[in-house]
Amino acid sequence: MLLFPPTIILRHRKENLKKCTLRGLEQNPHFQFFTYPQDALPSLSNYFLLTLDAPVLSKEDQHLGVFLIDGTWNYAEKMEKQLPHPHLLQKRSLPPSLLTAYPRKQTGCLDPSRGLASIEALFATYALLGRSTEGLLDHFHWKLDFKKLNPTLFTLDFSTL
């Protein structure tokens, strides 16, 4: 039984699945994948959108579901604008001290130093909310580099959350 809503991931239809860092999570019951623009989303009233320009996650967010947009930076911006009632959607960000290990070649991120790969952002979110991160990085090629860059994520004391 889930103690929180499943994570909703809206993936752009043109997302290159060979490079997608979320591959392998599609069959996990904690995640629901939807394809943009074909699929209608369920209600997001009990969710927050993970984005760069928002208040940082806190323990008060533990009961909420995670909504993640998965696409290039340019696609993600357009996808967010097309969401129903985007002004009503709660938004949260990750601490700015987190660093990506993903060797990015694309541009378009508002702050490239904070632009984590989708799986990195998802792992960090789960770690900060005290949720199980088991298996999330199993298919991420740069997981050891990510761990070296962000060691505090891997040593969190959840009793302090």
N, C-alpha and C. Protein backbone atom coordinates (compact mmCIF):
# COMPACT_ATOMS: atom_id res chain seq x y z
N MET A 1 0.84 -1.18 0.00
CA MET A 1 0.00 0.00 0.00
C MET A 1 0.89 1.26 0.00
N LEU A 2 0.55 2.21 -0.86
CA LEU A 2 1.30 3.45 -0.94
C LEU A 2 0.86 4.40 0.16
N LEU A 3 1.81 5.09 0.76
CA LEU A 3 1.49 6.07 1.79
C LEU A 3 1.35 7.46 1.21
N PHE A 4 1.60 7.59 -0.07
CA PHE A 4 1.54 8.86 -0.77
C PHE A 4 1.08 8.55 -2.20
N PRO A 5 0.57 9.54 -2.91
CA PRO A 5 0.12 9.28 -4.28
C PRO A 5 1.27 8.83 -5.18
N PRO A 6 0.97 8.03 -6.21
CA PRO A 6 2.03 7.62 -7.13
C PRO A 6 2.62 8.83 -7.84
N THR A 7 3.88 8.74 -8.19
CA THR A 7 4.53 9.82 -8.94
C THR A 7 4.00 9.82 -10.36
N ILE A 8 3.62 10.99 -10.84
CA ILE A 8 3.11 11.13 -12.20
C ILE A 8 4.22 11.75 -13.05
N ILE A 9 4.50 11.09 -14.16
CA ILE A 9 5.53 11.58 -15.08
C ILE A 9 4.88 11.83 -16.43
N LEU A 10 4.98 13.07 -16.88
CA LEU A 10 4.48 13.45 -18.20
C LEU A 10 5.68 13.51 -19.13
N ARG A 11 5.75 12.55 -20.03
CA ARG A 11 6.89 12.42 -20.94
C ARG A 11 6.49 12.91 -22.33
N HIS A 12 7.32 13.75 -22.90
CA HIS A 12 7.05 14.25 -24.26
C HIS A 12 7.14 13.09 -25.25
N ARG A 13 6.25 13.09 -26.23
CA ARG A 13 6.21 11.99 -27.20
C ARG A 13 7.49 11.87 -28.01
N LYS A 14 8.25 12.97 -28.11
CA LYS A 14 9.50 12.94 -28.88
C LYS A 14 10.72 12.66 -28.01
N GLU A 15 10.50 12.36 -26.73
CA GLU A 15 11.62 12.05 -25.84
C GLU A 15 12.37 10.83 -26.39
N ASN A 16 13.68 10.93 -26.50
CA ASN A 16 14.50 9.84 -26.99
C ASN A 16 14.63 8.80 -25.88
N LEU A 17 13.91 7.70 -26.01
CA LEU A 17 13.88 6.70 -24.95
C LEU A 17 15.23 6.01 -24.76
N LYS A 18 16.08 6.04 -25.78
CA LYS A 18 17.42 5.45 -25.62
C LYS A 18 18.26 6.27 -24.66
N LYS A 19 17.97 7.57 -24.55
CA LYS A 19 18.72 8.45 -23.66
C LYS A 19 17.93 8.79 -22.39
N CYS A 20 16.70 8.34 -22.30
CA CYS A 20 15.84 8.70 -21.17
C CYS A 20 16.35 8.05 -19.89
N THR A 21 16.60 8.87 -18.88
CA THR A 21 17.15 8.36 -17.63
C THR A 21 16.08 7.69 -16.76
N LEU A 22 14.82 7.81 -17.12
CA LEU A 22 13.74 7.19 -16.34
C LEU A 22 13.39 5.79 -16.82
N ARG A 23 14.07 5.33 -17.85
CA ARG A 23 13.80 3.98 -18.37
C ARG A 23 13.96 2.96 -17.26
N GLY A 24 13.06 2.00 -17.25
CA GLY A 24 13.09 0.96 -16.24
C GLY A 24 12.07 1.19 -15.13
N LEU A 25 11.53 2.40 -15.05
CA LEU A 25 10.55 2.69 -14.00
C LEU A 25 9.11 2.51 -14.46
N GLU A 26 8.92 2.26 -15.75
CA GLU A 26 7.56 2.19 -16.30
C GLU A 26 6.70 1.11 -15.64
N GLN A 27 7.29 0.02 -15.21
CA GLN A 27 6.52 -1.07 -14.61
C GLN A 27 6.42 -0.96 -13.09
N ASN A 28 7.05 0.04 -12.51
CA ASN A 28 7.04 0.23 -11.06
C ASN A 28 5.68 0.82 -10.65
N PRO A 29 4.98 0.21 -9.68
CA PRO A 29 3.65 0.70 -9.30
C PRO A 29 3.66 2.08 -8.63
N HIS A 30 4.82 2.58 -8.25
CA HIS A 30 4.92 3.90 -7.63
C HIS A 30 4.92 5.02 -8.67
N PHE A 31 4.91 4.65 -9.97
CA PHE A 31 5.00 5.63 -11.04
C PHE A 31 3.91 5.42 -12.06
N GLN A 32 3.35 6.53 -12.54
CA GLN A 32 2.39 6.51 -13.64
C GLN A 32 2.94 7.40 -14.75
N PHE A 33 3.13 6.83 -15.92
CA PHE A 33 3.66 7.57 -17.06
C PHE A 33 2.52 7.97 -18.00
N PHE A 34 2.59 9.22 -18.46
CA PHE A 34 1.64 9.74 -19.44
C PHE A 34 2.44 10.36 -20.56
N THR A 35 1.89 10.29 -21.78
CA THR A 35 2.58 10.84 -22.95
C THR A 35 1.94 12.15 -23.36
N TYR A 36 2.78 13.16 -23.53
CA TYR A 36 2.33 14.48 -23.99
C TYR A 36 2.45 14.51 -25.51
N PRO A 37 1.47 15.01 -26.21
CA PRO A 37 0.22 15.62 -25.77
C PRO A 37 -0.98 14.67 -25.82
N GLN A 38 -0.75 13.37 -26.07
CA GLN A 38 -1.86 12.44 -26.28
C GLN A 38 -2.69 12.16 -25.03
N ASP A 39 -2.06 11.92 -23.90
CA ASP A 39 -2.75 11.42 -22.72
C ASP A 39 -3.31 12.55 -21.86
N ALA A 40 -4.51 12.32 -21.37
CA ALA A 40 -5.10 13.24 -20.39
C ALA A 40 -4.53 12.90 -19.02
N LEU A 41 -4.22 13.91 -18.26
CA LEU A 41 -3.66 13.71 -16.92
C LEU A 41 -4.78 13.57 -15.89
N PRO A 42 -4.52 12.81 -14.83
CA PRO A 42 -5.48 12.79 -13.73
C PRO A 42 -5.40 14.10 -12.96
N SER A 43 -6.23 14.26 -11.96
CA SER A 43 -6.20 15.47 -11.14
C SER A 43 -4.83 15.60 -10.47
N LEU A 44 -4.31 16.81 -10.49
CA LEU A 44 -3.01 17.10 -9.87
C LEU A 44 -3.19 17.92 -8.59
N SER A 45 -4.39 17.89 -8.02
CA SER A 45 -4.69 18.74 -6.86
C SER A 45 -3.89 18.36 -5.62
N ASN A 46 -3.41 17.14 -5.53
CA ASN A 46 -2.65 16.70 -4.36
C ASN A 46 -1.19 16.46 -4.75
N TYR A 47 -0.70 17.20 -5.75
CA TYR A 47 0.64 17.02 -6.29
C TYR A 47 1.39 18.35 -6.32
N PHE A 48 2.70 18.24 -6.43
CA PHE A 48 3.50 19.42 -6.73
C PHE A 48 4.31 19.12 -7.98
N LEU A 49 4.54 20.17 -8.77
CA LEU A 49 5.36 20.09 -9.96
C LEU A 49 6.79 20.42 -9.57
N LEU A 50 7.70 19.55 -9.92
CA LEU A 50 9.11 19.80 -9.66
C LEU A 50 9.65 20.71 -10.76
N THR A 51 10.15 21.87 -10.35
CA THR A 51 10.63 22.88 -11.30
C THR A 51 11.77 23.67 -10.65
N LEU A 52 12.44 24.49 -11.42
CA LEU A 52 13.58 25.23 -10.88
C LEU A 52 13.18 26.48 -10.09
N ASP A 53 12.18 27.18 -10.56
CA ASP A 53 11.83 28.48 -9.99
C ASP A 53 10.64 28.35 -9.03
N ALA A 54 10.91 27.78 -7.84
CA ALA A 54 9.84 27.54 -6.87
C ALA A 54 10.43 27.39 -5.47
N PRO A 55 9.58 27.39 -4.45
CA PRO A 55 10.09 27.15 -3.10
C PRO A 55 10.75 25.77 -3.01
N VAL A 56 11.76 25.65 -2.16
CA VAL A 56 12.48 24.38 -2.00
C VAL A 56 11.61 23.40 -1.23
N LEU A 57 11.69 22.13 -1.61
CA LEU A 57 10.97 21.06 -0.92
C LEU A 57 11.20 21.13 0.59
N SER A 58 10.18 20.76 1.34
CA SER A 58 10.32 20.71 2.80
C SER A 58 9.52 19.52 3.33
N LYS A 59 9.64 19.27 4.62
CA LYS A 59 8.93 18.14 5.21
C LYS A 59 7.42 18.32 5.13
N GLU A 60 6.95 19.54 4.97
CA GLU A 60 5.51 19.78 4.81
C GLU A 60 4.98 19.23 3.49
N ASP A 61 5.87 18.87 2.58
CA ASP A 61 5.47 18.35 1.27
C ASP A 61 5.41 16.82 1.23
N GLN A 62 5.72 16.16 2.33
CA GLN A 62 5.84 14.70 2.33
C GLN A 62 4.57 13.99 1.91
N HIS A 63 3.40 14.55 2.18
CA HIS A 63 2.14 13.90 1.87
C HIS A 63 1.72 14.08 0.41
N LEU A 64 2.36 14.98 -0.30
CA LEU A 64 1.98 15.28 -1.68
C LEU A 64 2.59 14.31 -2.67
N GLY A 65 1.94 14.19 -3.81
CA GLY A 65 2.50 13.40 -4.91
C GLY A 65 3.45 14.26 -5.72
N VAL A 66 4.36 13.59 -6.40
CA VAL A 66 5.36 14.27 -7.24
C VAL A 66 4.87 14.23 -8.68
N PHE A 67 4.91 15.39 -9.33
CA PHE A 67 4.59 15.49 -10.76
C PHE A 67 5.85 15.99 -11.46
N LEU A 68 6.32 15.19 -12.40
CA LEU A 68 7.58 15.49 -13.10
C LEU A 68 7.32 15.55 -14.60
N ILE A 69 7.80 16.62 -15.22
CA ILE A 69 7.74 16.74 -16.67
C ILE A 69 9.06 16.23 -17.23
N ASP A 70 8.99 15.28 -18.16
CA ASP A 70 10.18 14.65 -18.73
C ASP A 70 10.27 14.97 -20.22
N GLY A 71 11.23 15.82 -20.54
CA GLY A 71 11.46 16.20 -21.93
C GLY A 71 12.64 17.15 -21.97
N THR A 72 13.04 17.56 -23.14
CA THR A 72 14.11 18.55 -23.23
C THR A 72 13.64 19.82 -22.54
N TRP A 73 14.57 20.69 -22.22
CA TRP A 73 14.20 21.94 -21.53
C TRP A 73 13.18 22.74 -22.33
N ASN A 74 13.37 22.80 -23.64
CA ASN A 74 12.43 23.56 -24.48
C ASN A 74 11.04 22.92 -24.49
N TYR A 75 11.00 21.58 -24.62
CA TYR A 75 9.71 20.89 -24.59
C TYR A 75 9.05 21.04 -23.23
N ALA A 76 9.83 20.91 -22.16
CA ALA A 76 9.27 20.97 -20.81
C ALA A 76 8.59 22.31 -20.55
N GLU A 77 9.21 23.38 -21.01
CA GLU A 77 8.62 24.71 -20.83
C GLU A 77 7.27 24.80 -21.54
N LYS A 78 7.20 24.30 -22.77
CA LYS A 78 5.94 24.32 -23.52
C LYS A 78 4.90 23.42 -22.88
N MET A 79 5.34 22.26 -22.39
CA MET A 79 4.42 21.31 -21.76
C MET A 79 3.79 21.91 -20.50
N GLU A 80 4.61 22.60 -19.72
CA GLU A 80 4.11 23.21 -18.49
C GLU A 80 3.05 24.27 -18.80
N LYS A 81 3.28 25.03 -19.85
CA LYS A 81 2.31 26.08 -20.21
C LYS A 81 0.98 25.49 -20.68
N GLN A 82 1.00 24.25 -21.17
CA GLN A 82 -0.21 23.61 -21.68
C GLN A 82 -0.98 22.84 -20.61
N LEU A 83 -0.47 22.79 -19.40
CA LEU A 83 -1.16 22.08 -18.32
C LEU A 83 -2.47 22.78 -18.00
N PRO A 84 -3.51 22.01 -17.63
CA PRO A 84 -4.75 22.66 -17.23
C PRO A 84 -4.57 23.40 -15.91
N HIS A 85 -4.91 24.65 -15.88
CA HIS A 85 -4.82 25.50 -14.69
C HIS A 85 -3.41 25.50 -14.07
N PRO A 86 -2.38 25.82 -14.86
CA PRO A 86 -1.01 25.76 -14.33
C PRO A 86 -0.79 26.68 -13.13
N HIS A 87 -1.55 27.76 -13.04
CA HIS A 87 -1.41 28.70 -11.92
C HIS A 87 -1.90 28.10 -10.60
N LEU A 88 -2.71 27.04 -10.65
CA LEU A 88 -3.21 26.40 -9.43
C LEU A 88 -2.30 25.27 -8.94
N LEU A 89 -1.38 24.85 -9.78
CA LEU A 89 -0.50 23.74 -9.45
C LEU A 89 0.58 24.19 -8.47
N GLN A 90 0.73 23.45 -7.39
CA GLN A 90 1.81 23.73 -6.44
C GLN A 90 3.14 23.42 -7.12
N LYS A 91 4.15 24.22 -6.83
CA LYS A 91 5.47 24.00 -7.43
C LYS A 91 6.52 23.96 -6.34
N ARG A 92 7.50 23.09 -6.53
CA ARG A 92 8.62 22.97 -5.60
C ARG A 92 9.90 22.78 -6.40
N SER A 93 11.01 23.14 -5.76
CA SER A 93 12.32 22.95 -6.38
C SER A 93 13.21 22.16 -5.43
N LEU A 94 14.34 21.78 -5.94
CA LEU A 94 15.34 21.08 -5.15
C LEU A 94 16.36 22.09 -4.65
N PRO A 95 17.09 21.75 -3.60
CA PRO A 95 18.12 22.67 -3.11
C PRO A 95 19.11 23.01 -4.23
N PRO A 96 19.51 24.27 -4.34
CA PRO A 96 20.40 24.68 -5.43
C PRO A 96 21.81 24.09 -5.32
N SER A 97 22.14 23.48 -4.22
CA SER A 97 23.47 22.90 -4.05
C SER A 97 23.65 21.57 -4.78
N LEU A 98 22.57 20.96 -5.25
CA LEU A 98 22.67 19.67 -5.93
C LEU A 98 23.26 19.85 -7.32
N LEU A 99 24.11 18.88 -7.70
CA LEU A 99 24.81 18.95 -8.98
C LEU A 99 24.50 17.73 -9.84
N THR A 100 24.45 17.94 -11.13
CA THR A 100 24.20 16.84 -12.06
C THR A 100 25.49 16.13 -12.44
N ALA A 101 25.36 14.83 -12.70
CA ALA A 101 26.47 14.05 -13.23
C ALA A 101 26.23 13.75 -14.71
N TYR A 102 25.05 14.10 -15.18
CA TYR A 102 24.67 13.80 -16.57
C TYR A 102 25.43 14.72 -17.53
N PRO A 103 26.12 14.13 -18.49
CA PRO A 103 26.89 14.95 -19.45
C PRO A 103 25.98 15.60 -20.49
N ARG A 104 25.41 16.71 -20.15
CA ARG A 104 24.42 17.39 -20.97
C ARG A 104 25.06 18.09 -22.17
N LYS A 105 24.38 17.97 -23.31
CA LYS A 105 24.82 18.66 -24.51
C LYS A 105 23.80 19.70 -24.95
N GLN A 106 22.57 19.52 -24.52
CA GLN A 106 21.53 20.46 -24.94
C GLN A 106 21.59 21.73 -24.12
N THR A 107 21.00 22.75 -24.66
CA THR A 107 20.93 24.03 -23.96
C THR A 107 19.47 24.34 -23.66
N GLY A 108 19.22 25.44 -23.06
CA GLY A 108 17.85 25.85 -22.81
C GLY A 108 17.47 25.85 -21.34
N CYS A 109 18.29 25.28 -20.50
CA CYS A 109 18.01 25.27 -19.06
C CYS A 109 18.25 26.67 -18.51
N LEU A 110 17.33 27.13 -17.66
CA LEU A 110 17.47 28.45 -17.05
C LEU A 110 18.75 28.56 -16.24
N ASP A 111 19.13 27.48 -15.57
CA ASP A 111 20.32 27.46 -14.73
C ASP A 111 21.01 26.10 -14.92
N PRO A 112 21.90 25.96 -15.92
CA PRO A 112 22.50 24.67 -16.25
C PRO A 112 23.18 23.97 -15.07
N SER A 113 23.71 24.71 -14.13
CA SER A 113 24.36 24.08 -12.99
C SER A 113 23.36 23.35 -12.09
N ARG A 114 22.08 23.77 -12.15
CA ARG A 114 21.03 23.15 -11.35
C ARG A 114 20.17 22.19 -12.17
N GLY A 115 20.42 22.09 -13.44
CA GLY A 115 19.60 21.27 -14.32
C GLY A 115 19.93 19.79 -14.21
N LEU A 116 19.29 19.11 -13.27
CA LEU A 116 19.53 17.69 -13.07
C LEU A 116 18.83 16.87 -14.15
N ALA A 117 19.38 15.69 -14.43
CA ALA A 117 18.68 14.73 -15.28
C ALA A 117 17.41 14.31 -14.54
N SER A 118 16.42 13.85 -15.26
CA SER A 118 15.14 13.50 -14.64
C SER A 118 15.30 12.50 -13.50
N ILE A 119 16.11 11.47 -13.70
CA ILE A 119 16.27 10.47 -12.64
C ILE A 119 17.02 11.04 -11.44
N GLU A 120 17.95 11.95 -11.68
CA GLU A 120 18.65 12.60 -10.57
C GLU A 120 17.67 13.44 -9.75
N ALA A 121 16.83 14.19 -10.44
CA ALA A 121 15.84 15.02 -9.76
C ALA A 121 14.85 14.15 -8.98
N LEU A 122 14.43 13.05 -9.58
CA LEU A 122 13.50 12.16 -8.92
C LEU A 122 14.14 11.51 -7.69
N PHE A 123 15.37 11.06 -7.82
CA PHE A 123 16.08 10.47 -6.69
C PHE A 123 16.22 11.48 -5.55
N ALA A 124 16.64 12.68 -5.88
CA ALA A 124 16.82 13.72 -4.87
C ALA A 124 15.49 14.04 -4.18
N THR A 125 14.43 14.13 -4.95
CA THR A 125 13.10 14.40 -4.39
C THR A 125 12.70 13.31 -3.42
N TYR A 126 12.83 12.07 -3.83
CA TYR A 126 12.46 10.95 -2.96
C TYR A 126 13.33 10.94 -1.70
N ALA A 127 14.62 11.18 -1.85
CA ALA A 127 15.52 11.18 -0.69
C ALA A 127 15.12 12.28 0.29
N LEU A 128 14.84 13.47 -0.23
CA LEU A 128 14.50 14.60 0.62
C LEU A 128 13.13 14.46 1.29
N LEU A 129 12.24 13.69 0.66
CA LEU A 129 10.91 13.46 1.24
C LEU A 129 10.89 12.23 2.15
N GLY A 130 12.01 11.54 2.26
CA GLY A 130 12.08 10.36 3.11
C GLY A 130 11.46 9.12 2.49
N ARG A 131 11.32 9.11 1.17
CA ARG A 131 10.76 7.95 0.47
C ARG A 131 11.88 7.01 0.04
N SER A 132 11.52 5.79 -0.20
CA SER A 132 12.52 4.81 -0.60
C SER A 132 13.12 5.18 -1.96
N THR A 133 14.43 5.16 -2.03
CA THR A 133 15.14 5.43 -3.29
C THR A 133 15.69 4.13 -3.88
N GLU A 134 15.34 3.02 -3.26
CA GLU A 134 15.87 1.73 -3.69
C GLU A 134 15.55 1.47 -5.16
N GLY A 135 16.58 1.17 -5.93
CA GLY A 135 16.43 0.82 -7.33
C GLY A 135 16.29 1.99 -8.29
N LEU A 136 16.11 3.20 -7.80
CA LEU A 136 15.89 4.33 -8.72
C LEU A 136 17.07 4.57 -9.65
N LEU A 137 18.28 4.42 -9.14
CA LEU A 137 19.47 4.71 -9.95
C LEU A 137 20.07 3.47 -10.60
N ASP A 138 19.38 2.34 -10.52
CA ASP A 138 19.93 1.08 -11.04
C ASP A 138 20.34 1.15 -12.51
N HIS A 139 19.60 1.87 -13.32
CA HIS A 139 19.90 1.94 -14.76
C HIS A 139 20.57 3.25 -15.17
N PHE A 140 20.96 4.05 -14.20
CA PHE A 140 21.58 5.34 -14.48
C PHE A 140 23.09 5.17 -14.57
N HIS A 141 23.63 5.36 -15.75
CA HIS A 141 25.04 5.13 -16.03
C HIS A 141 25.97 5.97 -15.14
N TRP A 142 25.55 7.15 -14.77
CA TRP A 142 26.40 8.08 -14.02
C TRP A 142 26.06 8.10 -12.52
N LYS A 143 25.48 7.02 -12.01
CA LYS A 143 25.03 7.01 -10.60
C LYS A 143 26.19 7.19 -9.62
N LEU A 144 27.34 6.62 -9.88
CA LEU A 144 28.48 6.78 -8.97
C LEU A 144 28.98 8.22 -8.97
N ASP A 145 29.01 8.84 -10.14
CA ASP A 145 29.41 10.25 -10.22
C ASP A 145 28.40 11.14 -9.49
N PHE A 146 27.11 10.83 -9.66
CA PHE A 146 26.07 11.59 -8.98
C PHE A 146 26.22 11.47 -7.47
N LYS A 147 26.54 10.27 -7.01
CA LYS A 147 26.73 10.04 -5.57
C LYS A 147 27.93 10.83 -5.05
N LYS A 148 29.02 10.87 -5.82
CA LYS A 148 30.21 11.62 -5.41
C LYS A 148 29.94 13.12 -5.36
N LEU A 149 29.13 13.61 -6.29
CA LEU A 149 28.81 15.04 -6.35
C LEU A 149 27.81 15.48 -5.27
N ASN A 150 27.00 14.55 -4.80
CA ASN A 150 25.91 14.88 -3.86
C ASN A 150 25.87 13.88 -2.70
N PRO A 151 26.95 13.74 -1.96
CA PRO A 151 27.00 12.70 -0.93
C PRO A 151 25.95 12.84 0.16
N THR A 152 25.50 14.06 0.45
CA THR A 152 24.52 14.23 1.53
C THR A 152 23.18 13.58 1.20
N LEU A 153 22.85 13.44 -0.08
CA LEU A 153 21.60 12.77 -0.45
C LEU A 153 21.60 11.31 -0.03
N PHE A 154 22.77 10.74 0.06
CA PHE A 154 22.89 9.31 0.34
C PHE A 154 23.09 9.03 1.82
N THR A 155 23.14 10.08 2.64
CA THR A 155 23.36 9.91 4.07
C THR A 155 22.36 10.71 4.90
N LEU A 156 21.18 10.96 4.34
CA LEU A 156 20.16 11.74 5.04
C LEU A 156 19.67 11.01 6.27
N ASP A 157 19.43 11.75 7.32
CA ASP A 157 18.83 11.24 8.54
C ASP A 157 17.36 11.59 8.49
N PHE A 158 16.52 10.60 8.14
CA PHE A 158 15.10 10.87 7.92
C PHE A 158 14.36 11.24 9.20
N SER A 159 14.95 10.97 10.34
CA SER A 159 14.28 11.33 11.59
C SER A 159 14.25 12.85 11.78
N THR A 160 15.10 13.56 11.04
CA THR A 160 15.13 15.02 11.17
C THR A 160 14.20 15.70 10.17
N LEU A 161 13.62 14.95 9.27
CA LEU A 161 12.71 15.55 8.29
C LEU A 161 11.40 15.96 8.92
